[in-house]
C-alpha atoms as a PDB file:
ATOM      1  CA  MET A   1      22.824  -2.174   5.538  1.00  0.00           C
ATOM      2  CA  MET A   2      19.504  -1.859   7.499  1.00  0.00           C
ATOM      3  CA  PRO A   3      17.544   1.409   7.205  1.00  0.00           C
ATOM      4  CA  THR A   4      18.065   3.315  10.501  1.00  0.00           C
ATOM      5  CA  ILE A   5      15.412   6.304  10.400  1.00  0.00           C
ATOM      6  CA  PRO A   6      11.695   5.974   9.154  1.00  0.00           C
ATOM      7  CA  ARG A   7      12.221   7.686   5.845  1.00  0.00           C
ATOM      8  CA  ASP A   8      14.857   5.270   4.884  1.00  0.00           C
ATOM      9  CA  TRP A   9      12.174   2.438   4.860  1.00  0.00           C
ATOM     10  CA  ALA A  10      10.104   4.078   1.993  1.00  0.00           C
ATOM     11  CA  ASP A  11      12.162   2.727  -0.853  1.00  0.00           C
ATOM     12  CA  PRO A  12      12.478  -0.784   0.354  1.00  0.00           C
ATOM     13  CA  PHE A  13       8.611  -0.949   0.887  1.00  0.00           C
ATOM     14  CA  LEU A  14       7.921   0.522  -2.602  1.00  0.00           C
ATOM     15  CA  GLU A  15      10.139  -2.316  -4.008  1.00  0.00           C
ATOM     16  CA  GLN A  16       8.089  -4.783  -2.122  1.00  0.00           C
ATOM     17  CA  ALA A  17       5.025  -3.439  -3.377  1.00  0.00           C
ATOM     18  CA  ARG A  18       6.187  -3.585  -6.873  1.00  0.00           C
ATOM     19  CA  GLU A  19       7.082  -7.291  -6.393  1.00  0.00           C
ATOM     20  CA  ASP A  20       3.796  -7.954  -4.882  1.00  0.00           C
ATOM     21  CA  LEU A  21       2.070  -6.339  -7.729  1.00  0.00           C
ATOM     22  CA  LYS A  22       4.105  -8.313 -10.358  1.00  0.00           C
ATOM     23  CA  ALA A  23       2.852 -11.357  -8.648  1.00  0.00           C
ATOM     24  CA  ALA A  24      -0.812 -10.178  -8.499  1.00  0.00           C
ATOM     25  CA  TRP A  25      -0.464  -9.893 -12.239  1.00  0.00           C
ATOM     26  CA  SER A  26       0.481 -13.421 -12.627  1.00  0.00           C
ATOM     27  CA  VAL A  27      -2.654 -14.760 -10.969  1.00  0.00           C
ATOM     28  CA  PRO A  28      -5.094 -16.197 -13.573  1.00  0.00           C
ATOM     29  CA  ALA A  29      -8.037 -13.888 -13.914  1.00  0.00           C
ATOM     30  CA  ASP A  30     -10.575 -16.733 -13.758  1.00  0.00           C
ATOM     31  CA  ARG A  31      -9.482 -18.289 -10.773  1.00  0.00           C
ATOM     32  CA  SER A  32      -7.669 -17.996  -7.606  1.00  0.00           C
ATOM     33  CA  ALA A  33      -9.511 -14.751  -6.453  1.00  0.00           C
ATOM     34  CA  SER A  34      -8.382 -15.064  -2.849  1.00  0.00           C
ATOM     35  CA  THR A  35      -4.898 -15.158  -3.662  1.00  0.00           C
ATOM     36  CA  LEU A  36      -5.247 -12.079  -5.959  1.00  0.00           C
ATOM     37  CA  CYS A  37      -7.025 -10.321  -2.966  1.00  0.00           C
ATOM     38  CA  MET A  38      -4.344 -11.461  -0.651  1.00  0.00           C
ATOM     39  CA  LEU A  39      -1.703 -10.063  -3.100  1.00  0.00           C
ATOM     40  CA  LEU A  40      -3.388  -6.726  -3.507  1.00  0.00           C
ATOM     41  CA  GLN A  41      -3.948  -6.313   0.199  1.00  0.00           C
ATOM     42  CA  MET A  42      -0.064  -6.913   0.538  1.00  0.00           C
ATOM     43  CA  VAL A  43       0.727  -4.131  -2.077  1.00  0.00           C
ATOM     44  CA  PHE A  44      -1.619  -1.556  -0.366  1.00  0.00           C
ATOM     45  CA  GLU A  45      -0.211  -2.450   2.929  1.00  0.00           C
ATOM     46  CA  LYS A  46       3.415  -1.828   1.737  1.00  0.00           C
ATOM     47  CA  LEU A  47       2.317   1.322  -0.330  1.00  0.00           C
ATOM     48  CA  GLY A  48       0.761   2.592   3.131  1.00  0.00           C
ATOM     49  CA  LYS A  49       3.980   1.894   4.937  1.00  0.00           C
ATOM     50  CA  ALA A  50       6.097   3.391   2.235  1.00  0.00           C
ATOM     51  CA  ALA A  51       3.958   6.640   2.325  1.00  0.00           C
ATOM     52  CA  TYR A  52       3.953   6.740   6.310  1.00  0.00           C
ATOM     53  CA  ALA A  53       7.852   6.213   6.238  1.00  0.00           C
ATOM     54  CA  ARG A  54       8.288   8.944   3.493  1.00  0.00           C
ATOM     55  CA  ALA A  55       6.442  11.377   5.691  1.00  0.00           C
ATOM     56  CA  GLY A  56       9.191  10.616   8.483  1.00  0.00           C
ATOM     57  CA  ASN A  57       6.835   8.656  10.729  1.00  0.00           C
ATOM     58  CA  ALA A  58       7.493   5.411  12.503  1.00  0.00           C
ATOM     59  CA  VAL A  59       6.428   2.379  10.259  1.00  0.00           C
ATOM     60  CA  PRO A  60       3.475   0.520  11.818  1.00  0.00           C
ATOM     61  CA  ARG A  61       4.279  -2.946  12.880  1.00  0.00           C
ATOM     62  CA  ASN A  62       0.899  -4.311  12.109  1.00  0.00           C
ATOM     63  CA  HIS A  63      -1.550  -4.709   9.252  1.00  0.00           C
ATOM     64  CA  GLN A  64      -3.115  -1.395   9.411  1.00  0.00           C
ATOM     65  CA  ALA A  65      -0.885   0.504   6.998  1.00  0.00           C
ATOM     66  CA  ALA A  66      -3.703   0.276   4.279  1.00  0.00           C
ATOM     67  CA  SER A  67      -6.098   2.157   6.618  1.00  0.00           C
ATOM     68  CA  LEU A  68      -3.447   4.687   7.401  1.00  0.00           C
ATOM     69  CA  LEU A  69      -2.912   5.081   3.649  1.00  0.00           C
ATOM     70  CA  PHE A  70      -6.791   6.030   3.341  1.00  0.00           C
ATOM     71  CA  ALA A  71      -6.509   8.349   6.023  1.00  0.00           C
ATOM     72  CA  MET A  72      -3.541  10.225   4.432  1.00  0.00           C
ATOM     73  CA  LEU A  73      -5.321  10.321   0.934  1.00  0.00           C
ATOM     74  CA  LEU A  74      -8.380  11.996   2.752  1.00  0.00           C
ATOM     75  CA  ARG A  75      -6.187  14.730   3.935  1.00  0.00           C
ATOM     76  CA  HIS A  76      -4.831  15.742   0.381  1.00  0.00           C
ATOM     77  CA  PRO A  77      -7.224  17.182  -2.308  1.00  0.00           C
ATOM     78  CA  THR A  78      -5.596  14.855  -4.945  1.00  0.00           C
ATOM     79  CA  GLY A  79      -6.111  11.885  -2.620  1.00  0.00           C
ATOM     80  CA  GLN A  80      -9.677  12.715  -1.973  1.00  0.00           C
ATOM     81  CA  ALA A  81     -10.316  13.027  -6.008  1.00  0.00           C
ATOM     82  CA  LEU A  82      -8.649   9.302  -6.238  1.00  0.00           C
ATOM     83  CA  LEU A  83     -11.200   8.129  -3.751  1.00  0.00           C
ATOM     84  CA  ARG A  84     -14.111   9.807  -5.130  1.00  0.00           C
ATOM     85  CA  ALA A  85     -13.385   8.530  -8.723  1.00  0.00           C
ATOM     86  CA  ASN A  86     -14.567   5.086  -7.917  1.00  0.00           C
ATOM     87  CA  ALA A  87     -16.965   4.053  -4.892  1.00  0.00           C
ATOM     88  CA  ASN A  88     -15.469   0.714  -4.869  1.00  0.00           C
ATOM     89  CA  VAL A  89     -12.106   1.930  -3.771  1.00  0.00           C
ATOM     90  CA  ARG A  90     -12.996   2.026  -0.236  1.00  0.00           C
ATOM     91  CA  GLN A  91     -15.017  -1.084   0.034  1.00  0.00           C
END
């Protein structure tokens, strides 16, 4: 059965993010950097969509979910701390 309201999409997006992260871990560390980056981008897109859905918002149908995730993190003190912990996180 397909999810019918935005919040119902959160768990499927989290599961997809987990699977993409597993795939990223399988990429050899000494080569295929572009593949690793692509997979990590997919993980963050799906995490962003899951967070957006969990909040009850309509899930974006574009590749801007990672940007939305950062916007959500900036609105919460814990998220701000995560972003401040490492300057490379936002690059």
